[in-house]
Amino acid sequence: MGRISIFVCTIAVIFIFFLLSRSSNNNHRPIHRRLRSNSTHSAESYDDKFNLTNRIVRLFPEIDVDPTDWFVSLHELTQWNLQQAQREFLHRSQREMVIHDKNHDGFVSFSEYAPPSTWFHHADGDSFGYDTSWWKEEHFNASDIDGNGLLNLTEFNDFLHPADSKNPKLRQWLCKAEVRERDMDRDGKVNFKEFFHGLFDLVRNYDEGCYNDSRHFDDSMDASARVLFSQLDKDGDGYLSDIELLPIIGKLHPSGHHYAKQQAEDIISQKLTKMDVLH
């Protein structure tokens, strides 16, 4: 999810380099893992076009707030990235709401957000060639916090961005959606094979560094997956229900905070690496 725009990322890269270039190596906060850069453009290529020096001066006090000490910490940069992403999410939701609010009452009903009538349907109700979970009424109802059958802007924003919602009904809906997607034998639960070849990969990618990533250690990976599966399988029946997936749903569907922190770590890591080269 290109959750943080390249423009925002570039601004952050330059002011972090500006800060670090003025500080000694003893002031560098360690970053325990390096993340891949999402930016393919150099900071210099944007400087003339956007006059970033002036923007850095303007943005610095907005980020250096916890505490205000003339340094930007990982936490401060993460929070700033997250705020920009949340603002963009809400703006997109407002635009989508204008499109779907057919009667202009400030709410969106399920019928107003129904799938196009031109879609073809199987006998079981699934649309041919499309992931229909987005359109299911269960998803809509889980987003409808007050249960009035309509989504206001806050509820509609949660509907469009369920991974970032604090609504427990939406988190449970995400778990049910995962079971439906991974349940290849259609028994309503996830067995170990279904867990290992789908869900565990997502957990491992989220917790990079906690599991050995080498494909030469299949036995170790299998053992790690079985340990996690056993921890999640609270009733010990050898299957995972949607309720039992709740502890890891945030890793299966990472929130905006996860990506904001990744972005901040990446920026700081790049600048520390560059400072090491210069010194």
C-alpha atoms as a PDB file:
ATOM      1  CA  MET A   1       0.000   0.000   0.000  1.00  0.00           C
ATOM      2  CA  GLY A   2       1.751   3.176  -1.144  1.00  0.00           C
ATOM      3  CA  ARG A   3       0.605   4.665   2.085  1.00  0.00           C
ATOM      4  CA  ILE A   4       3.154   7.473   2.320  1.00  0.00           C
ATOM      5  CA  SER A   5       3.586   9.553  -0.776  1.00  0.00           C
ATOM      6  CA  ILE A   6       7.033   9.885  -2.375  1.00  0.00           C
ATOM      7  CA  PHE A   7       6.767  13.618  -1.853  1.00  0.00           C
ATOM      8  CA  VAL A   8       6.365  13.253   1.913  1.00  0.00           C
ATOM      9  CA  CYS A   9       9.119  10.634   2.030  1.00  0.00           C
ATOM     10  CA  THR A  10      11.548  12.880   0.175  1.00  0.00           C
ATOM     11  CA  ILE A  11      10.965  15.805   2.532  1.00  0.00           C
ATOM     12  CA  ALA A  12      11.553  13.579   5.520  1.00  0.00           C
ATOM     13  CA  VAL A  13      14.746  12.119   4.023  1.00  0.00           C
ATOM     14  CA  ILE A  14      16.296  15.541   3.539  1.00  0.00           C
ATOM     15  CA  PHE A  15      15.537  16.991   6.959  1.00  0.00           C
ATOM     16  CA  ILE A  16      16.725  13.800   8.690  1.00  0.00           C
ATOM     17  CA  PHE A  17      20.008  14.038   6.788  1.00  0.00           C
ATOM     18  CA  PHE A  18      20.199  17.698   7.750  1.00  0.00           C
ATOM     19  CA  LEU A  19      19.839  16.822  11.424  1.00  0.00           C
ATOM     20  CA  LEU A  20      22.232  13.917  11.418  1.00  0.00           C
ATOM     21  CA  SER A  21      24.881  15.845   9.529  1.00  0.00           C
ATOM     22  CA  ARG A  22      24.955  18.373  12.373  1.00  0.00           C
ATOM     23  CA  SER A  23      25.159  15.815  15.153  1.00  0.00           C
ATOM     24  CA  SER A  24      28.020  13.597  16.287  1.00  0.00           C
ATOM     25  CA  ASN A  25      27.996   9.837  15.838  1.00  0.00           C
ATOM     26  CA  ASN A  26      27.261   9.444  19.566  1.00  0.00           C
ATOM     27  CA  ASN A  27      23.873  11.015  19.067  1.00  0.00           C
ATOM     28  CA  HIS A  28      22.733   8.432  16.521  1.00  0.00           C
ATOM     29  CA  ARG A  29      19.909   6.256  17.742  1.00  0.00           C
ATOM     30  CA  PRO A  30      20.450   2.617  16.701  1.00  0.00           C
ATOM     31  CA  ILE A  31      18.100   1.014  14.233  1.00  0.00           C
ATOM     32  CA  HIS A  32      17.967  -2.748  14.713  1.00  0.00           C
ATOM     33  CA  ARG A  33      16.947  -3.648  11.187  1.00  0.00           C
ATOM     34  CA  ARG A  34      17.367  -2.183   7.744  1.00  0.00           C
ATOM     35  CA  LEU A  35      14.350  -1.900   5.521  1.00  0.00           C
ATOM     36  CA  ARG A  36      14.183  -1.658   1.776  1.00  0.00           C
ATOM     37  CA  SER A  37      13.772   1.813   0.402  1.00  0.00           C
ATOM     38  CA  ASN A  38      10.499   2.630  -1.328  1.00  0.00           C
ATOM     39  CA  SER A  39      11.994   5.699  -2.956  1.00  0.00           C
ATOM     40  CA  THR A  40      13.768   5.479  -6.310  1.00  0.00           C
ATOM     41  CA  HIS A  41      14.420   9.206  -6.606  1.00  0.00           C
ATOM     42  CA  SER A  42      17.306  11.126  -5.150  1.00  0.00           C
ATOM     43  CA  ALA A  43      16.627  14.011  -2.815  1.00  0.00           C
ATOM     44  CA  GLU A  44      18.670  16.321  -5.017  1.00  0.00           C
ATOM     45  CA  SER A  45      16.325  15.787  -7.986  1.00  0.00           C
ATOM     46  CA  TYR A  46      13.447  17.290  -5.992  1.00  0.00           C
ATOM     47  CA  ASP A  47      15.260  20.207  -4.337  1.00  0.00           C
ATOM     48  CA  ASP A  48      15.077  22.700  -7.175  1.00  0.00           C
ATOM     49  CA  LYS A  49      11.542  21.766  -8.169  1.00  0.00           C
ATOM     50  CA  PHE A  50       9.916  21.994  -4.750  1.00  0.00           C
ATOM     51  CA  ASN A  51      12.296  24.344  -2.906  1.00  0.00           C
ATOM     52  CA  LEU A  52      12.635  21.755  -0.161  1.00  0.00           C
ATOM     53  CA  THR A  53      14.989  23.786   1.992  1.00  0.00           C
ATOM     54  CA  ASN A  54      12.192  26.174   2.903  1.00  0.00           C
ATOM     55  CA  ARG A  55       9.818  23.246   3.401  1.00  0.00           C
ATOM     56  CA  ILE A  56      12.256  21.607   5.822  1.00  0.00           C
ATOM     57  CA  VAL A  57      12.357  24.747   7.944  1.00  0.00           C
ATOM     58  CA  ARG A  58       8.561  24.860   7.959  1.00  0.00           C
ATOM     59  CA  LEU A  59       8.000  21.166   8.688  1.00  0.00           C
ATOM     60  CA  PHE A  60      10.672  20.638  11.320  1.00  0.00           C
ATOM     61  CA  PRO A  61       8.717  22.091  14.278  1.00  0.00           C
ATOM     62  CA  GLU A  62       5.669  20.035  13.273  1.00  0.00           C
ATOM     63  CA  ILE A  63       7.662  16.815  13.714  1.00  0.00           C
ATOM     64  CA  ASP A  64       9.992  17.684  16.582  1.00  0.00           C
ATOM     65  CA  VAL A  65       7.277  17.706  19.258  1.00  0.00           C
ATOM     66  CA  ASP A  66       7.845  14.780  21.646  1.00  0.00           C
ATOM     67  CA  PRO A  67       9.916  16.346  23.109  1.00  0.00           C
ATOM     68  CA  THR A  68      10.937  19.542  21.356  1.00  0.00           C
ATOM     69  CA  ASP A  69      14.701  19.080  21.534  1.00  0.00           C
ATOM     70  CA  TRP A  70      15.987  19.920  18.030  1.00  0.00           C
ATOM     71  CA  PHE A  71      16.278  16.245  17.177  1.00  0.00           C
ATOM     72  CA  VAL A  72      13.785  14.007  15.403  1.00  0.00           C
ATOM     73  CA  SER A  73      13.365  10.579  16.975  1.00  0.00           C
ATOM     74  CA  LEU A  74      12.036   7.419  15.362  1.00  0.00           C
ATOM     75  CA  HIS A  75       8.822   7.832  17.344  1.00  0.00           C
ATOM     76  CA  GLU A  76       8.323  11.436  16.203  1.00  0.00           C
ATOM     77  CA  LEU A  77       8.925  10.602  12.552  1.00  0.00           C
ATOM     78  CA  THR A  78       6.629   7.569  12.773  1.00  0.00           C
ATOM     79  CA  GLN A  79       3.812   9.642  14.257  1.00  0.00           C
ATOM     80  CA  TRP A  80       4.219  12.345  11.631  1.00  0.00           C
ATOM     81  CA  ASN A  81       4.185   9.786   8.807  1.00  0.00           C
ATOM     82  CA  LEU A  82       1.073   8.202  10.320  1.00  0.00           C
ATOM     83  CA  GLN A  83      -0.717  11.541  10.602  1.00  0.00           C
ATOM     84  CA  GLN A  84      -0.061  12.268   6.925  1.00  0.00           C
ATOM     85  CA  ALA A  85      -1.362   8.831   5.940  1.00  0.00           C
ATOM     86  CA  GLN A  86      -4.493   9.142   8.081  1.00  0.00           C
ATOM     87  CA  ARG A  87      -5.202  12.557   6.630  1.00  0.00           C
ATOM     88  CA  GLU A  88      -4.892  11.146   3.126  1.00  0.00           C
ATOM     89  CA  PHE A  89      -7.123   8.149   3.988  1.00  0.00           C
ATOM     90  CA  LEU A  90      -9.846  10.449   5.287  1.00  0.00           C
ATOM     91  CA  HIS A  91      -9.586  12.699   2.246  1.00  0.00           C
ATOM     92  CA  ARG A  92     -10.004   9.707  -0.075  1.00  0.00           C
ATOM     93  CA  SER A  93     -12.955   8.469   1.980  1.00  0.00           C
ATOM     94  CA  GLN A  94     -14.619  11.872   1.677  1.00  0.00           C
ATOM     95  CA  ARG A  95     -14.222  11.765  -2.089  1.00  0.00           C
ATOM     96  CA  GLU A  96     -15.579   8.205  -2.252  1.00  0.00           C
ATOM     97  CA  MET A  97     -18.497   9.150  -0.051  1.00  0.00           C
ATOM     98  CA  VAL A  98     -19.510  11.954  -2.410  1.00  0.00           C
ATOM     99  CA  ILE A  99     -19.562   9.421  -5.249  1.00  0.00           C
ATOM    100  CA  HIS A 100     -21.633   6.782  -3.451  1.00  0.00           C
ATOM    101  CA  ASP A 101     -23.995   8.992  -1.435  1.00  0.00           C
ATOM    102  CA  LYS A 102     -26.620   8.964  -4.156  1.00  0.00           C
ATOM    103  CA  ASN A 103     -29.342  10.771  -2.197  1.00  0.00           C
ATOM    104  CA  HIS A 104     -26.921  13.310  -0.696  1.00  0.00           C
ATOM    105  CA  ASP A 105     -28.039  12.734   2.889  1.00  0.00           C
ATOM    106  CA  GLY A 106     -24.497  12.533   4.276  1.00  0.00           C
ATOM    107  CA  PHE A 107     -24.621   8.748   4.693  1.00  0.00           C
ATOM    108  CA  VAL A 108     -23.933   5.688   2.555  1.00  0.00           C
ATOM    109  CA  SER A 109     -26.331   2.740   2.581  1.00  0.00           C
ATOM    110  CA  PHE A 110     -25.417  -0.766   1.474  1.00  0.00           C
ATOM    111  CA  SER A 111     -27.583  -0.436  -1.631  1.00  0.00           C
ATOM    112  CA  GLU A 112     -25.704   2.740  -2.576  1.00  0.00           C
ATOM    113  CA  TYR A 113     -22.421   0.833  -2.332  1.00  0.00           C
ATOM    114  CA  ALA A 114     -23.647  -2.392  -3.988  1.00  0.00           C
ATOM    115  CA  PRO A 115     -21.531  -4.064  -6.706  1.00  0.00           C
ATOM    116  CA  PRO A 116     -22.292  -3.162 -10.330  1.00  0.00           C
ATOM    117  CA  SER A 117     -25.378  -4.950 -11.641  1.00  0.00           C
ATOM    118  CA  THR A 118     -23.449  -5.935 -14.788  1.00  0.00           C
ATOM    119  CA  TRP A 119     -21.318  -8.422 -12.849  1.00  0.00           C
ATOM    120  CA  PHE A 120     -22.001 -12.082 -13.499  1.00  0.00           C
ATOM    121  CA  HIS A 121     -22.706 -14.320 -10.513  1.00  0.00           C
ATOM    122  CA  HIS A 122     -22.173 -17.980  -9.737  1.00  0.00           C
ATOM    123  CA  ALA A 123     -24.931 -20.041  -8.208  1.00  0.00           C
ATOM    124  CA  ASP A 124     -23.295 -19.654  -4.779  1.00  0.00           C
ATOM    125  CA  GLY A 125     -23.564 -15.862  -5.065  1.00  0.00           C
ATOM    126  CA  ASP A 126     -19.913 -15.089  -5.741  1.00  0.00           C
ATOM    127  CA  SER A 127     -19.102 -12.741  -8.596  1.00  0.00           C
ATOM    128  CA  PHE A 128     -17.114 -14.262 -11.426  1.00  0.00           C
ATOM    129  CA  GLY A 129     -13.528 -13.068 -11.584  1.00  0.00           C
ATOM    130  CA  TYR A 130     -13.703 -10.688  -8.607  1.00  0.00           C
ATOM    131  CA  ASP A 131     -12.952 -10.781  -4.880  1.00  0.00           C
ATOM    132  CA  THR A 132     -16.463 -10.170  -3.597  1.00  0.00           C
ATOM    133  CA  SER A 133     -15.586  -9.897   0.103  1.00  0.00           C
ATOM    134  CA  TRP A 134     -15.358  -6.131  -0.365  1.00  0.00           C
ATOM    135  CA  TRP A 135     -19.013  -5.997  -1.309  1.00  0.00           C
ATOM    136  CA  LYS A 136     -20.444  -8.443   1.226  1.00  0.00           C
ATOM    137  CA  GLU A 137     -23.120  -7.032   3.492  1.00  0.00           C
ATOM    138  CA  GLU A 138     -21.347  -8.618   6.452  1.00  0.00           C
ATOM    139  CA  HIS A 139     -18.453  -6.210   5.891  1.00  0.00           C
ATOM    140  CA  PHE A 140     -20.855  -3.271   5.689  1.00  0.00           C
ATOM    141  CA  ASN A 141     -22.700  -4.263   8.870  1.00  0.00           C
ATOM    142  CA  ALA A 142     -19.432  -4.735  10.769  1.00  0.00           C
ATOM    143  CA  SER A 143     -18.528  -1.139   9.864  1.00  0.00           C
ATOM    144  CA  ASP A 144     -21.932   0.169  10.990  1.00  0.00           C
ATOM    145  CA  ILE A 145     -21.058   0.883  14.638  1.00  0.00           C
ATOM    146  CA  ASP A 146     -24.426   2.375  15.650  1.00  0.00           C
ATOM    147  CA  GLY A 147     -26.396  -0.244  13.707  1.00  0.00           C
ATOM    148  CA  ASN A 148     -28.661   2.200  11.889  1.00  0.00           C
ATOM    149  CA  GLY A 149     -28.023   0.670   8.469  1.00  0.00           C
ATOM    150  CA  LEU A 150     -26.098   3.707   7.249  1.00  0.00           C
ATOM    151  CA  LEU A 151     -22.425   4.629   7.324  1.00  0.00           C
ATOM    152  CA  ASN A 152     -21.366   8.117   8.367  1.00  0.00           C
ATOM    153  CA  LEU A 153     -17.938   9.415   7.344  1.00  0.00           C
ATOM    154  CA  THR A 154     -16.104   7.799  10.279  1.00  0.00           C
ATOM    155  CA  GLU A 155     -17.782   4.441   9.677  1.00  0.00           C
ATOM    156  CA  PHE A 156     -17.263   4.700   5.923  1.00  0.00           C
ATOM    157  CA  ASN A 157     -13.581   5.454   6.458  1.00  0.00           C
ATOM    158  CA  ASP A 158     -13.352   2.315   8.615  1.00  0.00           C
ATOM    159  CA  PHE A 159     -15.184   0.378   5.901  1.00  0.00           C
ATOM    160  CA  LEU A 160     -12.581   1.389   3.325  1.00  0.00           C
ATOM    161  CA  HIS A 161      -9.617   0.917   5.698  1.00  0.00           C
ATOM    162  CA  PRO A 162     -10.556  -1.932   8.055  1.00  0.00           C
ATOM    163  CA  ALA A 163      -6.959  -2.677   9.064  1.00  0.00           C
ATOM    164  CA  ASP A 164      -6.709   0.801  10.595  1.00  0.00           C
ATOM    165  CA  SER A 165     -10.026   0.658  12.418  1.00  0.00           C
ATOM    166  CA  LYS A 166     -10.353   0.183  16.176  1.00  0.00           C
ATOM    167  CA  ASN A 167     -13.827  -1.267  15.682  1.00  0.00           C
ATOM    168  CA  PRO A 168     -13.715  -4.824  17.155  1.00  0.00           C
ATOM    169  CA  LYS A 169     -16.485  -5.990  14.812  1.00  0.00           C
ATOM    170  CA  LEU A 170     -14.327  -5.112  11.809  1.00  0.00           C
ATOM    171  CA  ARG A 171     -11.346  -6.968  13.256  1.00  0.00           C
ATOM    172  CA  GLN A 172     -13.513 -10.045  13.639  1.00  0.00           C
ATOM    173  CA  TRP A 173     -14.778  -9.616  10.083  1.00  0.00           C
ATOM    174  CA  LEU A 174     -11.167  -9.571   8.872  1.00  0.00           C
ATOM    175  CA  CYS A 175     -10.591 -12.860  10.716  1.00  0.00           C
ATOM    176  CA  LYS A 176     -13.651 -14.425   9.100  1.00  0.00           C
ATOM    177  CA  ALA A 177     -12.500 -13.208   5.697  1.00  0.00           C
ATOM    178  CA  GLU A 178      -9.110 -14.853   6.259  1.00  0.00           C
ATOM    179  CA  VAL A 179     -10.732 -18.171   7.162  1.00  0.00           C
ATOM    180  CA  ARG A 180     -12.893 -18.046   4.036  1.00  0.00           C
ATOM    181  CA  GLU A 181      -9.867 -17.301   1.856  1.00  0.00           C
ATOM    182  CA  ARG A 182      -7.538 -19.940   3.361  1.00  0.00           C
ATOM    183  CA  ASP A 183     -10.081 -22.701   3.981  1.00  0.00           C
ATOM    184  CA  MET A 184      -9.405 -24.814   0.890  1.00  0.00           C
ATOM    185  CA  ASP A 185     -11.406 -27.856   2.034  1.00  0.00           C
ATOM    186  CA  ARG A 186     -14.400 -25.687   3.015  1.00  0.00           C
ATOM    187  CA  ASP A 187     -14.793 -27.063   6.522  1.00  0.00           C
ATOM    188  CA  GLY A 188     -15.112 -23.612   8.064  1.00  0.00           C
ATOM    189  CA  LYS A 189     -11.714 -23.670   9.796  1.00  0.00           C
ATOM    190  CA  VAL A 190      -8.015 -23.469   8.972  1.00  0.00           C
ATOM    191  CA  ASN A 191      -5.917 -26.618   9.383  1.00  0.00           C
ATOM    192  CA  PHE A 192      -2.142 -26.584   9.781  1.00  0.00           C
ATOM    193  CA  LYS A 193      -1.414 -27.070   6.076  1.00  0.00           C
ATOM    194  CA  GLU A 194      -3.657 -24.144   5.163  1.00  0.00           C
ATOM    195  CA  PHE A 195      -2.051 -22.076   7.912  1.00  0.00           C
ATOM    196  CA  PHE A 196       1.534 -22.929   6.951  1.00  0.00           C
ATOM    197  CA  HIS A 197       1.177 -22.225   3.223  1.00  0.00           C
ATOM    198  CA  GLY A 198      -0.574 -18.906   3.611  1.00  0.00           C
ATOM    199  CA  LEU A 199      -0.995 -17.246   6.968  1.00  0.00           C
ATOM    200  CA  PHE A 200       2.377 -18.179   8.446  1.00  0.00           C
ATOM    201  CA  ASP A 201       4.210 -16.542   5.539  1.00  0.00           C
ATOM    202  CA  LEU A 202       2.425 -13.275   6.286  1.00  0.00           C
ATOM    203  CA  VAL A 203       3.251 -13.500   9.996  1.00  0.00           C
ATOM    204  CA  ARG A 204       6.878 -14.303   9.184  1.00  0.00           C
ATOM    205  CA  ASN A 205       7.141 -11.346   6.806  1.00  0.00           C
ATOM    206  CA  TYR A 206       5.712  -9.054   9.478  1.00  0.00           C
ATOM    207  CA  ASP A 207       8.104 -10.409  12.120  1.00  0.00           C
ATOM    208  CA  GLU A 208      11.142 -10.400   9.852  1.00  0.00           C
ATOM    209  CA  GLY A 209      14.209 -11.353  11.851  1.00  0.00           C
ATOM    210  CA  CYS A 210      12.213 -13.487  14.300  1.00  0.00           C
ATOM    211  CA  TYR A 211      12.137 -16.450  11.926  1.00  0.00           C
ATOM    212  CA  ASN A 212      14.925 -17.833   9.776  1.00  0.00           C
ATOM    213  CA  ASP A 213      14.274 -16.678   6.236  1.00  0.00           C
ATOM    214  CA  SER A 214      16.498 -19.252   4.523  1.00  0.00           C
ATOM    215  CA  ARG A 215      14.687 -21.844   2.434  1.00  0.00           C
ATOM    216  CA  HIS A 216      17.392 -24.333   3.503  1.00  0.00           C
ATOM    217  CA  PHE A 217      15.849 -24.538   6.955  1.00  0.00           C
ATOM    218  CA  ASP A 218      12.438 -25.979   6.077  1.00  0.00           C
ATOM    219  CA  ASP A 219      12.402 -28.190   9.165  1.00  0.00           C
ATOM    220  CA  SER A 220      13.033 -25.185  11.406  1.00  0.00           C
ATOM    221  CA  MET A 221      10.320 -23.190   9.652  1.00  0.00           C
ATOM    222  CA  ASP A 222       7.875 -26.046  10.023  1.00  0.00           C
ATOM    223  CA  ALA A 223       8.664 -26.306  13.731  1.00  0.00           C
ATOM    224  CA  SER A 224       8.213 -22.550  14.231  1.00  0.00           C
ATOM    225  CA  ALA A 225       4.889 -22.649  12.410  1.00  0.00           C
ATOM    226  CA  ARG A 226       3.684 -25.559  14.534  1.00  0.00           C
ATOM    227  CA  VAL A 227       4.586 -23.715  17.731  1.00  0.00           C
ATOM    228  CA  LEU A 228       2.604 -20.655  16.663  1.00  0.00           C
ATOM    229  CA  PHE A 229      -0.290 -22.790  15.417  1.00  0.00           C
ATOM    230  CA  SER A 230      -0.420 -24.572  18.780  1.00  0.00           C
ATOM    231  CA  GLN A 231      -0.408 -21.258  20.655  1.00  0.00           C
ATOM    232  CA  LEU A 232      -3.337 -19.984  18.575  1.00  0.00           C
ATOM    233  CA  ASP A 233      -5.319 -23.233  18.750  1.00  0.00           C
ATOM    234  CA  LYS A 234      -6.839 -22.525  22.165  1.00  0.00           C
ATOM    235  CA  ASP A 235      -9.330 -25.388  22.137  1.00  0.00           C
ATOM    236  CA  GLY A 236      -6.730 -27.867  20.897  1.00  0.00           C
ATOM    237  CA  ASP A 237      -8.895 -29.300  18.136  1.00  0.00           C
ATOM    238  CA  GLY A 238      -6.166 -29.025  15.472  1.00  0.00           C
ATOM    239  CA  TYR A 239      -7.929 -26.218  13.609  1.00  0.00           C
ATOM    240  CA  LEU A 240      -8.017 -22.429  13.807  1.00  0.00           C
ATOM    241  CA  SER A 241     -11.354 -20.619  13.930  1.00  0.00           C
ATOM    242  CA  ASP A 242     -11.843 -16.960  13.095  1.00  0.00           C
ATOM    243  CA  ILE A 243     -11.795 -16.102  16.819  1.00  0.00           C
ATOM    244  CA  GLU A 244      -8.476 -17.892  17.241  1.00  0.00           C
ATOM    245  CA  LEU A 245      -6.947 -15.745  14.481  1.00  0.00           C
ATOM    246  CA  LEU A 246      -7.594 -12.522  16.404  1.00  0.00           C
ATOM    247  CA  PRO A 247      -4.129 -12.435  18.096  1.00  0.00           C
ATOM    248  CA  ILE A 248      -2.381 -12.266  14.700  1.00  0.00           C
ATOM    249  CA  ILE A 249      -4.906 -10.327  12.597  1.00  0.00           C
ATOM    250  CA  GLY A 250      -2.794  -7.181  12.958  1.00  0.00           C
ATOM    251  CA  LYS A 251       0.092  -9.035  11.315  1.00  0.00           C
ATOM    252  CA  LEU A 252      -2.066 -10.444   8.543  1.00  0.00           C
ATOM    253  CA  HIS A 253      -3.465  -6.970   7.864  1.00  0.00           C
ATOM    254  CA  PRO A 254      -0.824  -4.450   9.019  1.00  0.00           C
ATOM    255  CA  SER A 255      -2.097  -1.045  10.070  1.00  0.00           C
ATOM    256  CA  GLY A 256      -0.949   2.338   8.887  1.00  0.00           C
ATOM    257  CA  HIS A 257       1.208   2.634  12.000  1.00  0.00           C
ATOM    258  CA  HIS A 258       3.231  -0.405  10.904  1.00  0.00           C
ATOM    259  CA  TYR A 259       3.981   1.134   7.508  1.00  0.00           C
ATOM    260  CA  ALA A 260       4.659   4.557   9.011  1.00  0.00           C
ATOM    261  CA  LYS A 261       7.243   3.033  11.335  1.00  0.00           C
ATOM    262  CA  GLN A 262       8.799   1.079   8.464  1.00  0.00           C
ATOM    263  CA  GLN A 263       9.106   4.311   6.505  1.00  0.00           C
ATOM    264  CA  ALA A 264      10.686   6.144   9.437  1.00  0.00           C
ATOM    265  CA  GLU A 265      13.150   3.323  10.117  1.00  0.00           C
ATOM    266  CA  ASP A 266      14.074   3.205   6.449  1.00  0.00           C
ATOM    267  CA  ILE A 267      14.722   6.940   6.279  1.00  0.00           C
ATOM    268  CA  ILE A 268      16.883   7.006   9.395  1.00  0.00           C
ATOM    269  CA  SER A 269      18.732   3.848   8.349  1.00  0.00           C
ATOM    270  CA  GLN A 270      19.571   5.367   4.963  1.00  0.00           C
ATOM    271  CA  LYS A 271      20.903   8.522   6.536  1.00  0.00           C
ATOM    272  CA  LEU A 272      22.970   6.666   9.134  1.00  0.00           C
ATOM    273  CA  THR A 273      24.450   4.532   6.366  1.00  0.00           C
ATOM    274  CA  LYS A 274      25.257   7.622   4.354  1.00  0.00           C
ATOM    275  CA  MET A 275      26.893   9.272   7.368  1.00  0.00           C
ATOM    276  CA  ASP A 276      29.041   6.169   7.938  1.00  0.00           C
ATOM    277  CA  VAL A 277      30.235   6.373   4.342  1.00  0.00           C
ATOM    278  CA  LEU A 278      31.031  10.073   4.628  1.00  0.00           C
ATOM    279  CA  HIS A 279      33.011   9.511   7.814  1.00  0.00           C
END
